[in-house]
C-alpha atoms as a PDB file:
ATOM      1  CA  MET A   1      57.922 -63.725 105.527  1.00  0.00           C
ATOM      2  CA  GLN A   2      57.597 -63.958 109.228  1.00  0.00           C
ATOM      3  CA  ILE A   3      54.938 -61.748 111.049  1.00  0.00           C
ATOM      4  CA  GLY A   4      54.676 -62.540 114.514  1.00  0.00           C
ATOM      5  CA  ASN A   5      55.246 -66.400 114.815  1.00  0.00           C
ATOM      6  CA  ARG A   6      53.521 -66.950 111.483  1.00  0.00           C
ATOM      7  CA  PRO A   7      55.186 -67.410 108.036  1.00  0.00           C
ATOM      8  CA  CYS A   8      53.045 -65.378 105.841  1.00  0.00           C
ATOM      9  CA  ARG A   9      53.235 -65.695 102.029  1.00  0.00           C
ATOM     10  CA  ILE A  10      53.456 -62.611 100.312  1.00  0.00           C
ATOM     11  CA  TYR A  11      52.915 -61.947  96.465  1.00  0.00           C
ATOM     12  CA  GLY A  12      52.659 -58.952  94.402  1.00  0.00           C
ATOM     13  CA  GLY A  13      54.847 -55.982  94.354  1.00  0.00           C
ATOM     14  CA  ALA A  14      55.585 -52.146  94.360  1.00  0.00           C
ATOM     15  CA  ASN A  15      52.997 -49.326  93.515  1.00  0.00           C
ATOM     16  CA  ALA A  16      50.312 -51.479  94.812  1.00  0.00           C
ATOM     17  CA  GLU A  17      46.877 -49.949  94.782  1.00  0.00           C
ATOM     18  CA  CYS A  18      44.753 -52.654  96.757  1.00  0.00           C
ATOM     19  CA  LEU A  19      46.163 -54.658  99.770  1.00  0.00           C
ATOM     20  CA  LEU A  20      44.895 -57.836  99.823  1.00  0.00           C
ATOM     21  CA  LEU A  21      44.647 -60.054 103.094  1.00  0.00           C
ATOM     22  CA  GLN A  22      43.510 -63.596 102.887  1.00  0.00           C
ATOM     23  CA  MET A  23      43.287 -66.055 106.393  1.00  0.00           C
ATOM     24  CA  THR A  24      44.248 -69.483 104.965  1.00  0.00           C
ATOM     25  CA  GLY A  25      44.343 -72.780 106.252  1.00  0.00           C
ATOM     26  CA  GLU A  26      46.819 -75.666 105.647  1.00  0.00           C
ATOM     27  CA  HIS A  27      44.533 -76.989 103.115  1.00  0.00           C
ATOM     28  CA  GLU A  28      44.526 -73.806 100.919  1.00  0.00           C
ATOM     29  CA  LEU A  29      48.222 -73.390 100.816  1.00  0.00           C
ATOM     30  CA  GLN A  30      48.770 -75.662  98.101  1.00  0.00           C
ATOM     31  CA  SER A  31      46.494 -73.840  95.609  1.00  0.00           C
ATOM     32  CA  MET A  32      47.428 -70.406  96.568  1.00  0.00           C
ATOM     33  CA  ASP A  33      49.645 -70.036  93.812  1.00  0.00           C
ATOM     34  CA  TYR A  34      46.982 -70.693  91.004  1.00  0.00           C
ATOM     35  CA  GLU A  35      44.738 -68.246  93.333  1.00  0.00           C
ATOM     36  CA  VAL A  36      47.074 -65.324  92.868  1.00  0.00           C
ATOM     37  CA  ALA A  37      47.535 -66.057  89.260  1.00  0.00           C
ATOM     38  CA  ALA A  38      44.067 -65.769  88.631  1.00  0.00           C
ATOM     39  CA  ILE A  39      43.794 -62.475  90.737  1.00  0.00           C
ATOM     40  CA  ALA A  40      46.784 -61.305  88.807  1.00  0.00           C
ATOM     41  CA  GLN A  41      44.350 -61.224  85.830  1.00  0.00           C
ATOM     42  CA  SER A  42      43.148 -57.941  87.049  1.00  0.00           C
ATOM     43  CA  SER A  43      44.734 -54.952  85.792  1.00  0.00           C
ATOM     44  CA  GLN A  44      45.064 -53.585  89.218  1.00  0.00           C
ATOM     45  CA  ASN A  45      48.386 -53.590  91.135  1.00  0.00           C
ATOM     46  CA  PHE A  46      48.350 -55.444  94.775  1.00  0.00           C
ATOM     47  CA  LEU A  47      49.862 -56.643  97.434  1.00  0.00           C
ATOM     48  CA  PHE A  48      48.533 -60.086  98.671  1.00  0.00           C
ATOM     49  CA  ALA A  49      48.986 -61.788 101.846  1.00  0.00           C
ATOM     50  CA  ALA A  50      48.246 -65.234 102.879  1.00  0.00           C
ATOM     51  CA  ILE A  51      48.209 -65.184 106.659  1.00  0.00           C
ATOM     52  CA  PRO A  52      47.995 -68.892 107.988  1.00  0.00           C
ATOM     53  CA  VAL A  53      45.890 -69.911 111.054  1.00  0.00           C
ATOM     54  CA  GLU A  54      46.609 -72.973 113.087  1.00  0.00           C
ATOM     55  CA  SER A  55      42.997 -74.157 114.043  1.00  0.00           C
ATOM     56  CA  TRP A  56      40.609 -72.946 111.258  1.00  0.00           C
ATOM     57  CA  ASN A  57      37.671 -73.520 113.661  1.00  0.00           C
ATOM     58  CA  ASP A  58      39.035 -71.647 116.490  1.00  0.00           C
ATOM     59  CA  ALA A  59      40.704 -68.701 114.838  1.00  0.00           C
ATOM     60  CA  LEU A  60      38.131 -67.954 112.267  1.00  0.00           C
ATOM     61  CA  SER A  61      34.852 -68.233 114.502  1.00  0.00           C
ATOM     62  CA  PRO A  62      33.341 -65.078 116.101  1.00  0.00           C
ATOM     63  CA  TRP A  63      32.102 -66.652 119.464  1.00  0.00           C
ATOM     64  CA  LYS A  64      32.047 -70.529 120.746  1.00  0.00           C
ATOM     65  CA  VAL A  65      29.735 -73.016 119.090  1.00  0.00           C
ATOM     66  CA  PRO A  66      29.421 -76.655 119.385  1.00  0.00           C
ATOM     67  CA  ALA A  67      30.134 -78.834 116.862  1.00  0.00           C
ATOM     68  CA  VAL A  68      27.807 -78.430 113.442  1.00  0.00           C
ATOM     69  CA  TRP A  69      29.237 -81.299 111.917  1.00  0.00           C
ATOM     70  CA  GLY A  70      31.778 -83.790 112.892  1.00  0.00           C
ATOM     71  CA  LYS A  71      33.492 -83.396 116.611  1.00  0.00           C
ATOM     72  CA  GLN A  72      35.217 -80.386 116.429  1.00  0.00           C
ATOM     73  CA  GLY A  73      33.371 -77.358 118.068  1.00  0.00           C
ATOM     74  CA  PHE A  74      34.178 -73.668 117.116  1.00  0.00           C
ATOM     75  CA  GLY A  75      36.507 -71.541 119.972  1.00  0.00           C
ATOM     76  CA  GLY A  76      35.458 -68.245 119.203  1.00  0.00           C
ATOM     77  CA  LYS A  77      38.859 -66.440 118.936  1.00  0.00           C
ATOM     78  CA  ALA A  78      38.255 -64.581 115.797  1.00  0.00           C
ATOM     79  CA  GLY A  79      38.798 -61.282 118.095  1.00  0.00           C
ATOM     80  CA  GLU A  80      42.267 -62.249 118.484  1.00  0.00           C
ATOM     81  CA  THR A  81      42.951 -63.189 114.846  1.00  0.00           C
ATOM     82  CA  LEU A  82      41.950 -59.574 113.886  1.00  0.00           C
ATOM     83  CA  ARG A  83      44.145 -58.125 116.671  1.00  0.00           C
ATOM     84  CA  PHE A  84      46.930 -59.972 115.315  1.00  0.00           C
ATOM     85  CA  LEU A  85      46.032 -58.530 111.519  1.00  0.00           C
ATOM     86  CA  THR A  86      45.380 -54.877 112.827  1.00  0.00           C
ATOM     87  CA  GLU A  87      48.362 -54.978 115.081  1.00  0.00           C
ATOM     88  CA  GLN A  88      51.301 -56.985 113.445  1.00  0.00           C
ATOM     89  CA  VAL A  89      50.304 -57.957 109.890  1.00  0.00           C
ATOM     90  CA  ILE A  90      49.121 -54.776 108.291  1.00  0.00           C
ATOM     91  CA  PRO A  91      51.478 -52.242 109.973  1.00  0.00           C
ATOM     92  CA  THR A  92      54.661 -54.858 108.946  1.00  0.00           C
ATOM     93  CA  LEU A  93      53.632 -54.866 105.564  1.00  0.00           C
ATOM     94  CA  GLU A  94      53.191 -50.961 105.670  1.00  0.00           C
ATOM     95  CA  GLN A  95      56.644 -50.697 106.995  1.00  0.00           C
ATOM     96  CA  GLN A  96      58.163 -53.453 104.590  1.00  0.00           C
ATOM     97  CA  PHE A  97      56.410 -52.233 101.268  1.00  0.00           C
ATOM     98  CA  PRO A  98      56.153 -48.874  99.950  1.00  0.00           C
ATOM     99  CA  LEU A  99      52.375 -49.002 100.094  1.00  0.00           C
ATOM    100  CA  PRO A 100      50.422 -45.468  99.405  1.00  0.00           C
ATOM    101  CA  GLU A 101      49.060 -44.111 102.546  1.00  0.00           C
ATOM    102  CA  ASN A 102      45.357 -44.230 100.778  1.00  0.00           C
ATOM    103  CA  VAL A 103      46.045 -48.184  99.958  1.00  0.00           C
ATOM    104  CA  LYS A 104      42.562 -50.106  99.908  1.00  0.00           C
ATOM    105  CA  ILE A 105      42.802 -52.736 102.140  1.00  0.00           C
ATOM    106  CA  ILE A 106      40.571 -55.814 101.239  1.00  0.00           C
ATOM    107  CA  LEU A 107      39.982 -58.658 103.618  1.00  0.00           C
ATOM    108  CA  GLY A 108      38.946 -61.790 101.908  1.00  0.00           C
ATOM    109  CA  GLY A 109      38.624 -65.597 102.291  1.00  0.00           C
ATOM    110  CA  TYR A 110      36.644 -68.815 101.607  1.00  0.00           C
ATOM    111  CA  SER A 111      34.173 -70.537 103.872  1.00  0.00           C
ATOM    112  CA  LEU A 112      34.737 -69.640 107.486  1.00  0.00           C
ATOM    113  CA  ALA A 113      37.584 -67.396 106.484  1.00  0.00           C
ATOM    114  CA  GLY A 114      34.659 -65.452 104.550  1.00  0.00           C
ATOM    115  CA  LEU A 115      32.740 -65.472 107.358  1.00  0.00           C
ATOM    116  CA  PHE A 116      35.559 -64.004 109.412  1.00  0.00           C
ATOM    117  CA  ALA A 117      36.107 -61.085 106.996  1.00  0.00           C
ATOM    118  CA  LEU A 118      32.451 -60.212 106.804  1.00  0.00           C
ATOM    119  CA  TRP A 119      32.474 -60.213 110.866  1.00  0.00           C
ATOM    120  CA  ALA A 120      35.860 -58.397 111.009  1.00  0.00           C
ATOM    121  CA  SER A 121      33.896 -55.559 108.797  1.00  0.00           C
ATOM    122  CA  THR A 122      31.380 -55.253 111.518  1.00  0.00           C
ATOM    123  CA  GLN A 123      34.440 -54.721 114.230  1.00  0.00           C
ATOM    124  CA  THR A 124      36.251 -51.712 112.319  1.00  0.00           C
ATOM    125  CA  ASP A 125      35.894 -49.596 109.106  1.00  0.00           C
ATOM    126  CA  LEU A 126      39.433 -50.454 108.162  1.00  0.00           C
ATOM    127  CA  PHE A 127      38.698 -52.532 105.300  1.00  0.00           C
ATOM    128  CA  TYR A 128      37.557 -50.771 102.015  1.00  0.00           C
ATOM    129  CA  GLY A 129      36.127 -54.064 100.932  1.00  0.00           C
ATOM    130  CA  VAL A 130      35.418 -57.662 101.786  1.00  0.00           C
ATOM    131  CA  ALA A 131      35.832 -60.726  99.287  1.00  0.00           C
ATOM    132  CA  ALA A 132      33.807 -63.452 100.811  1.00  0.00           C
ATOM    133  CA  ALA A 133      33.383 -66.584  98.628  1.00  0.00           C
ATOM    134  CA  SER A 134      31.145 -69.090 100.130  1.00  0.00           C
ATOM    135  CA  PRO A 135      31.050 -67.633 103.499  1.00  0.00           C
ATOM    136  CA  SER A 136      29.757 -69.683 106.359  1.00  0.00           C
ATOM    137  CA  VAL A 137      26.754 -67.123 106.735  1.00  0.00           C
ATOM    138  CA  TRP A 138      24.889 -70.370 108.335  1.00  0.00           C
ATOM    139  CA  PHE A 139      27.096 -69.798 111.288  1.00  0.00           C
ATOM    140  CA  PRO A 140      24.600 -69.735 114.636  1.00  0.00           C
ATOM    141  CA  GLY A 141      23.849 -66.315 115.761  1.00  0.00           C
ATOM    142  CA  TRP A 142      25.587 -64.515 112.512  1.00  0.00           C
ATOM    143  CA  MET A 143      22.333 -62.964 110.974  1.00  0.00           C
ATOM    144  CA  GLU A 144      21.196 -61.589 114.384  1.00  0.00           C
ATOM    145  CA  PHE A 145      24.537 -60.289 115.188  1.00  0.00           C
ATOM    146  CA  GLU A 146      24.761 -58.629 111.938  1.00  0.00           C
ATOM    147  CA  GLN A 147      21.846 -56.799 112.401  1.00  0.00           C
ATOM    148  CA  GLN A 148      22.773 -55.059 115.627  1.00  0.00           C
ATOM    149  CA  ARG A 149      26.259 -54.552 114.335  1.00  0.00           C
ATOM    150  CA  PRO A 150      26.225 -54.118 110.640  1.00  0.00           C
ATOM    151  CA  ILE A 151      29.264 -54.617 108.158  1.00  0.00           C
ATOM    152  CA  GLN A 152      31.109 -51.508 107.778  1.00  0.00           C
ATOM    153  CA  ALA A 153      32.921 -52.022 104.300  1.00  0.00           C
ATOM    154  CA  GLN A 154      31.220 -50.283 101.413  1.00  0.00           C
ATOM    155  CA  HIS A 155      32.161 -52.756  98.639  1.00  0.00           C
ATOM    156  CA  VAL A 156      31.361 -56.318  99.642  1.00  0.00           C
ATOM    157  CA  TYR A 157      31.165 -59.218  97.176  1.00  0.00           C
ATOM    158  CA  LEU A 158      29.436 -62.504  98.570  1.00  0.00           C
ATOM    159  CA  SER A 159      29.078 -65.880  96.525  1.00  0.00           C
ATOM    160  CA  LEU A 160      27.735 -69.439  97.296  1.00  0.00           C
ATOM    161  CA  GLY A 161      27.750 -72.320  95.351  1.00  0.00           C
ATOM    162  CA  ASP A 162      24.293 -73.451  93.762  1.00  0.00           C
ATOM    163  CA  LYS A 163      24.259 -76.852  95.666  1.00  0.00           C
ATOM    164  CA  GLU A 164      25.452 -75.698  99.068  1.00  0.00           C
ATOM    165  CA  GLU A 165      21.875 -75.404 100.515  1.00  0.00           C
ATOM    166  CA  ARG A 166      20.963 -78.550  99.437  1.00  0.00           C
ATOM    167  CA  THR A 167      22.472 -80.473 102.352  1.00  0.00           C
ATOM    168  CA  LYS A 168      20.776 -82.725 105.078  1.00  0.00           C
ATOM    169  CA  ASN A 169      22.581 -80.775 107.873  1.00  0.00           C
ATOM    170  CA  THR A 170      19.691 -78.326 108.836  1.00  0.00           C
ATOM    171  CA  ILE A 171      22.097 -75.411 110.324  1.00  0.00           C
ATOM    172  CA  MET A 172      24.190 -75.517 107.360  1.00  0.00           C
ATOM    173  CA  ALA A 173      21.026 -75.701 104.823  1.00  0.00           C
ATOM    174  CA  ALA A 174      20.269 -72.333 105.887  1.00  0.00           C
ATOM    175  CA  VAL A 175      23.126 -70.636 104.197  1.00  0.00           C
ATOM    176  CA  GLY A 176      21.225 -69.722 100.748  1.00  0.00           C
ATOM    177  CA  ASP A 177      18.651 -67.967 102.790  1.00  0.00           C
ATOM    178  CA  ASN A 178      20.990 -66.410 104.762  1.00  0.00           C
ATOM    179  CA  ILE A 179      23.132 -65.247 101.912  1.00  0.00           C
ATOM    180  CA  ARG A 180      20.277 -63.767 100.161  1.00  0.00           C
ATOM    181  CA  THR A 181      19.062 -61.938 103.166  1.00  0.00           C
ATOM    182  CA  LEU A 182      22.215 -60.426 103.718  1.00  0.00           C
ATOM    183  CA  HIS A 183      22.894 -59.622 100.286  1.00  0.00           C
ATOM    184  CA  SER A 184      19.421 -57.778 100.317  1.00  0.00           C
ATOM    185  CA  TRP A 185      20.213 -55.855 103.499  1.00  0.00           C
ATOM    186  CA  LEU A 186      23.733 -54.476 102.488  1.00  0.00           C
ATOM    187  CA  THR A 187      22.012 -53.014  99.147  1.00  0.00           C
ATOM    188  CA  GLU A 188      19.130 -51.375 100.851  1.00  0.00           C
ATOM    189  CA  ARG A 189      21.588 -49.910 103.516  1.00  0.00           C
ATOM    190  CA  GLY A 190      23.522 -48.366 100.165  1.00  0.00           C
ATOM    191  CA  ALA A 191      26.421 -50.584 100.177  1.00  0.00           C
ATOM    192  CA  ASP A 192      28.021 -51.987  96.918  1.00  0.00           C
ATOM    193  CA  CYS A 193      27.378 -55.384  96.928  1.00  0.00           C
ATOM    194  CA  THR A 194      26.967 -58.429  94.818  1.00  0.00           C
ATOM    195  CA  LEU A 195      26.036 -61.847  95.082  1.00  0.00           C
ATOM    196  CA  GLU A 196      27.269 -64.533  92.279  1.00  0.00           C
ATOM    197  CA  TRP A 197      26.060 -67.942  92.223  1.00  0.00           C
ATOM    198  CA  ASN A 198      28.738 -70.590  91.244  1.00  0.00           C
ATOM    199  CA  SER A 199      27.940 -73.842  90.026  1.00  0.00           C
ATOM    200  CA  GLY A 200      28.613 -76.832  92.464  1.00  0.00           C
ATOM    201  CA  GLY A 201      29.025 -77.555  95.892  1.00  0.00           C
ATOM    202  CA  HIS A 202      30.957 -75.722  98.648  1.00  0.00           C
ATOM    203  CA  PHE A 203      34.454 -77.530  98.101  1.00  0.00           C
ATOM    204  CA  LYS A 204      34.595 -76.803  93.983  1.00  0.00           C
ATOM    205  CA  ASP A 205      36.910 -74.336  92.901  1.00  0.00           C
ATOM    206  CA  ALA A 206      37.618 -72.818  95.979  1.00  0.00           C
ATOM    207  CA  ASP A 207      40.700 -71.067  94.877  1.00  0.00           C
ATOM    208  CA  LEU A 208      39.355 -69.891  91.695  1.00  0.00           C
ATOM    209  CA  ARG A 209      36.067 -68.597  93.744  1.00  0.00           C
ATOM    210  CA  THR A 210      38.442 -66.556  96.076  1.00  0.00           C
ATOM    211  CA  ALA A 211      40.409 -65.053  93.331  1.00  0.00           C
ATOM    212  CA  LYS A 212      37.126 -63.814  91.805  1.00  0.00           C
ATOM    213  CA  ALA A 213      36.030 -62.468  94.914  1.00  0.00           C
ATOM    214  CA  PHE A 214      39.225 -60.560  95.249  1.00  0.00           C
ATOM    215  CA  ARG A 215      39.021 -59.094  91.707  1.00  0.00           C
ATOM    216  CA  TRP A 216      35.412 -57.915  91.623  1.00  0.00           C
ATOM    217  CA  VAL A 217      36.370 -55.906  95.028  1.00  0.00           C
ATOM    218  CA  MET A 218      39.378 -54.366  93.307  1.00  0.00           C
ATOM    219  CA  GLU A 219      37.909 -53.480  90.249  1.00  0.00           C
ATOM    220  CA  GLU A 220      34.327 -52.113  91.384  1.00  0.00           C
ATOM    221  CA  HIS A 221      35.996 -48.559  91.566  1.00  0.00           C
ATOM    222  CA  ALA A 222      39.081 -48.886  89.733  1.00  0.00           C
END
């Protein structure tokens, strides 16, 4: 389904209790069917939209940061991406599909898309929950920012691979401590938040880890 200038993939059907949104890169589209099949093991009815981004590092980063690995830096265009979601994607889906007025909107994603989901929830109270699988909470400045502008979603799933913090890259090695800290902040503020550890590194089972994240948020208060 074309929304704006983007070909979005829509899964699920009528009577959706939950609207699931995920920003996706080219590298994720081939495993999207597996991910949705895993989400569908839930008893909840859902409508799922996979929304492609052209430049992963630019579209999903909340502010500009020089390259942390490789040569590509981060363009800091998350604000534009969030506007596209709230002004085009969500209204279009609400027009095209018979969603209940109180549909639970859950924003999720993997890696930088997981960070984007967390950041988006600091900007608006639109999201019932955030499904952040292996989110890039090592991103420079993120932890300080979240303390100033806390996440507003009340249901937050966080996960990490147990080998992810064992990296020689000193910036990215902070991911473990940062996610533990974020989990404790959210819990202290009274949010419904879990932190799940998966076996393996960052690139293992991304589709299944993301599906698990969405399922937890959907089922938490079914």
